[in-house]
């Protein structure tokens, strides 16, 4: 089992959804360690909904491990910081580095425009 402190860029976890009371998959973009707060995970939300043309669709070959069960889409405008192990239920899979970098590039485009 992957612990909270072992999670890294590209990992997908099932975590507390800041927008609802249900959990959802989230892609870890960064896992900085702070002296007084420990590890915090910088994530983007993943959805099975295709309601926005700027969502990044995940294809089977985007995964380093097993793909998620349903066709999924990364929402690069929906950032969430997970502050503790209590926020993460479990590790699901990982993306390949190139696809993770595509997501990071989209996030940077959103926050720098």
Protein backbone atom coordinates (compact mmCIF):
# COMPACT_ATOMS: atom_id res chain seq x y z
CA UNK A 1 0.00 0.00 0.00
CA UNK A 2 1.22 3.50 -0.85
CA UNK A 3 1.24 5.85 2.14
CA UNK A 4 0.34 9.54 1.99
CA UNK A 5 4.01 10.51 2.36
CA UNK A 6 5.01 8.22 -0.54
CA UNK A 7 2.60 9.72 -3.07
CA UNK A 8 4.23 11.65 -5.90
CA UNK A 9 3.59 13.56 -9.10
CA UNK A 10 1.54 11.47 -11.53
CA UNK A 11 -0.20 9.32 -8.91
CA UNK A 12 -4.00 9.14 -8.95
CA UNK A 13 -5.73 8.76 -5.61
CA UNK A 14 -9.31 8.45 -4.37
CA UNK A 15 -9.70 11.47 -2.10
CA UNK A 16 -12.12 13.80 -0.35
CA UNK A 17 -13.87 15.99 -2.92
CA UNK A 18 -13.84 19.67 -1.91
CA UNK A 19 -16.96 20.24 -4.05
CA UNK A 20 -19.18 17.53 -2.58
CA UNK A 21 -19.43 14.99 0.21
CA UNK A 22 -18.44 12.14 -2.11
CA UNK A 23 -14.89 11.17 -2.95
CA UNK A 24 -13.38 11.32 -6.42
CA UNK A 25 -10.16 10.51 -8.24
CA UNK A 26 -7.50 13.22 -8.12
CA UNK A 27 -4.20 13.50 -9.94
CA UNK A 28 -1.20 14.50 -7.81
CA UNK A 29 0.83 17.27 -9.47
CA UNK A 30 3.13 17.99 -6.56
CA UNK A 31 3.90 16.74 -3.08
CA UNK A 32 5.92 19.45 -1.34
CA UNK A 33 7.09 18.82 2.21
CA UNK A 34 6.90 21.82 4.56
CA UNK A 35 8.88 22.05 7.82
CA UNK A 36 5.86 22.73 10.04
CA UNK A 37 3.05 21.17 7.99
CA UNK A 38 4.61 18.05 6.46
CA UNK A 39 3.53 16.77 3.06
CA UNK A 40 0.72 18.49 1.20
CA UNK A 41 -0.56 17.15 -2.10
CA UNK A 42 -1.34 19.60 -4.90
CA UNK A 43 -3.96 17.88 -7.04
CA UNK A 44 -6.41 18.39 -9.88
CA UNK A 45 -9.83 16.79 -10.00
CA UNK A 46 -10.72 13.98 -12.41
CA UNK A 47 -14.26 13.46 -13.70
CA UNK A 48 -16.14 11.02 -15.90
CA UNK A 49 -18.25 13.93 -17.20
CA UNK A 50 -17.34 15.54 -20.53
CA UNK A 51 -19.12 18.84 -19.97
CA UNK A 52 -16.15 21.09 -20.78
CA UNK A 53 -14.16 21.13 -24.00
CA UNK A 54 -10.94 22.06 -22.15
CA UNK A 55 -10.97 18.89 -20.01
CA UNK A 56 -8.09 16.56 -20.84
CA UNK A 57 -9.32 13.08 -21.76
CA UNK A 58 -7.28 10.20 -20.37
CA UNK A 59 -6.67 7.37 -22.81
CA UNK A 60 -5.65 3.84 -21.78
CA UNK A 61 -2.04 4.44 -22.87
CA UNK A 62 -1.83 7.55 -20.61
CA UNK A 63 -1.66 5.27 -17.58
CA UNK A 64 1.51 3.78 -16.16
CA UNK A 65 -0.62 1.27 -14.27
CA UNK A 66 -4.14 0.03 -14.87
CA UNK A 67 -6.54 2.61 -16.33
CA UNK A 68 -9.43 3.92 -14.27
CA UNK A 69 -12.64 1.93 -14.79
CA UNK A 70 -14.45 4.57 -16.85
CA UNK A 71 -13.27 7.05 -19.49
CA UNK A 72 -12.02 9.95 -17.37
CA UNK A 73 -11.14 13.59 -17.88
CA UNK A 74 -8.72 15.80 -15.95
CA UNK A 75 -10.09 19.22 -14.99
CA UNK A 76 -6.95 21.41 -14.99
CA UNK A 77 -8.84 24.43 -13.61
CA UNK A 78 -9.98 22.50 -10.51
CA UNK A 79 -7.05 22.48 -8.09
CA UNK A 80 -7.27 21.08 -4.58
CA UNK A 81 -4.67 20.76 -1.83
CA UNK A 82 -4.86 17.65 0.34
CA UNK A 83 -3.31 18.34 3.74
CA UNK A 84 -3.34 14.99 5.49
CA UNK A 85 -3.64 11.25 5.10
CA UNK A 86 -7.27 11.58 6.24
CA UNK A 87 -8.02 13.35 2.92
CA UNK A 88 -6.85 10.34 0.85
CA UNK A 89 -8.75 7.07 0.90
CA UNK A 90 -6.44 5.04 -1.34
CA UNK A 91 -4.04 4.97 -4.29
CA UNK A 92 -5.62 4.04 -7.63
CA UNK A 93 -2.98 4.17 -10.39
CA UNK A 94 -0.49 6.53 -12.06
CA UNK A 95 -0.14 8.46 -15.29
CA UNK A 96 2.90 8.32 -17.55
CA UNK A 97 5.21 11.32 -17.17
CA UNK A 98 4.38 12.85 -20.56
CA UNK A 99 0.64 12.97 -19.85
CA UNK A 100 1.23 14.37 -16.37
CA UNK A 101 3.36 17.11 -17.97
CA UNK A 102 0.48 17.87 -20.40
CA UNK A 103 -1.77 18.44 -17.38
CA UNK A 104 0.81 20.62 -15.61
CA UNK A 105 1.20 22.72 -18.77
CA UNK A 106 -2.59 23.26 -18.93
CA UNK A 107 -2.70 24.25 -15.25
CA UNK A 108 0.10 26.77 -15.81
CA UNK A 109 -1.80 28.19 -18.81
CA UNK A 110 -4.90 28.65 -16.62
CA UNK A 111 -3.16 30.35 -13.73
CA UNK A 112 -0.95 32.58 -15.87
CA UNK A 113 -3.69 33.97 -18.13
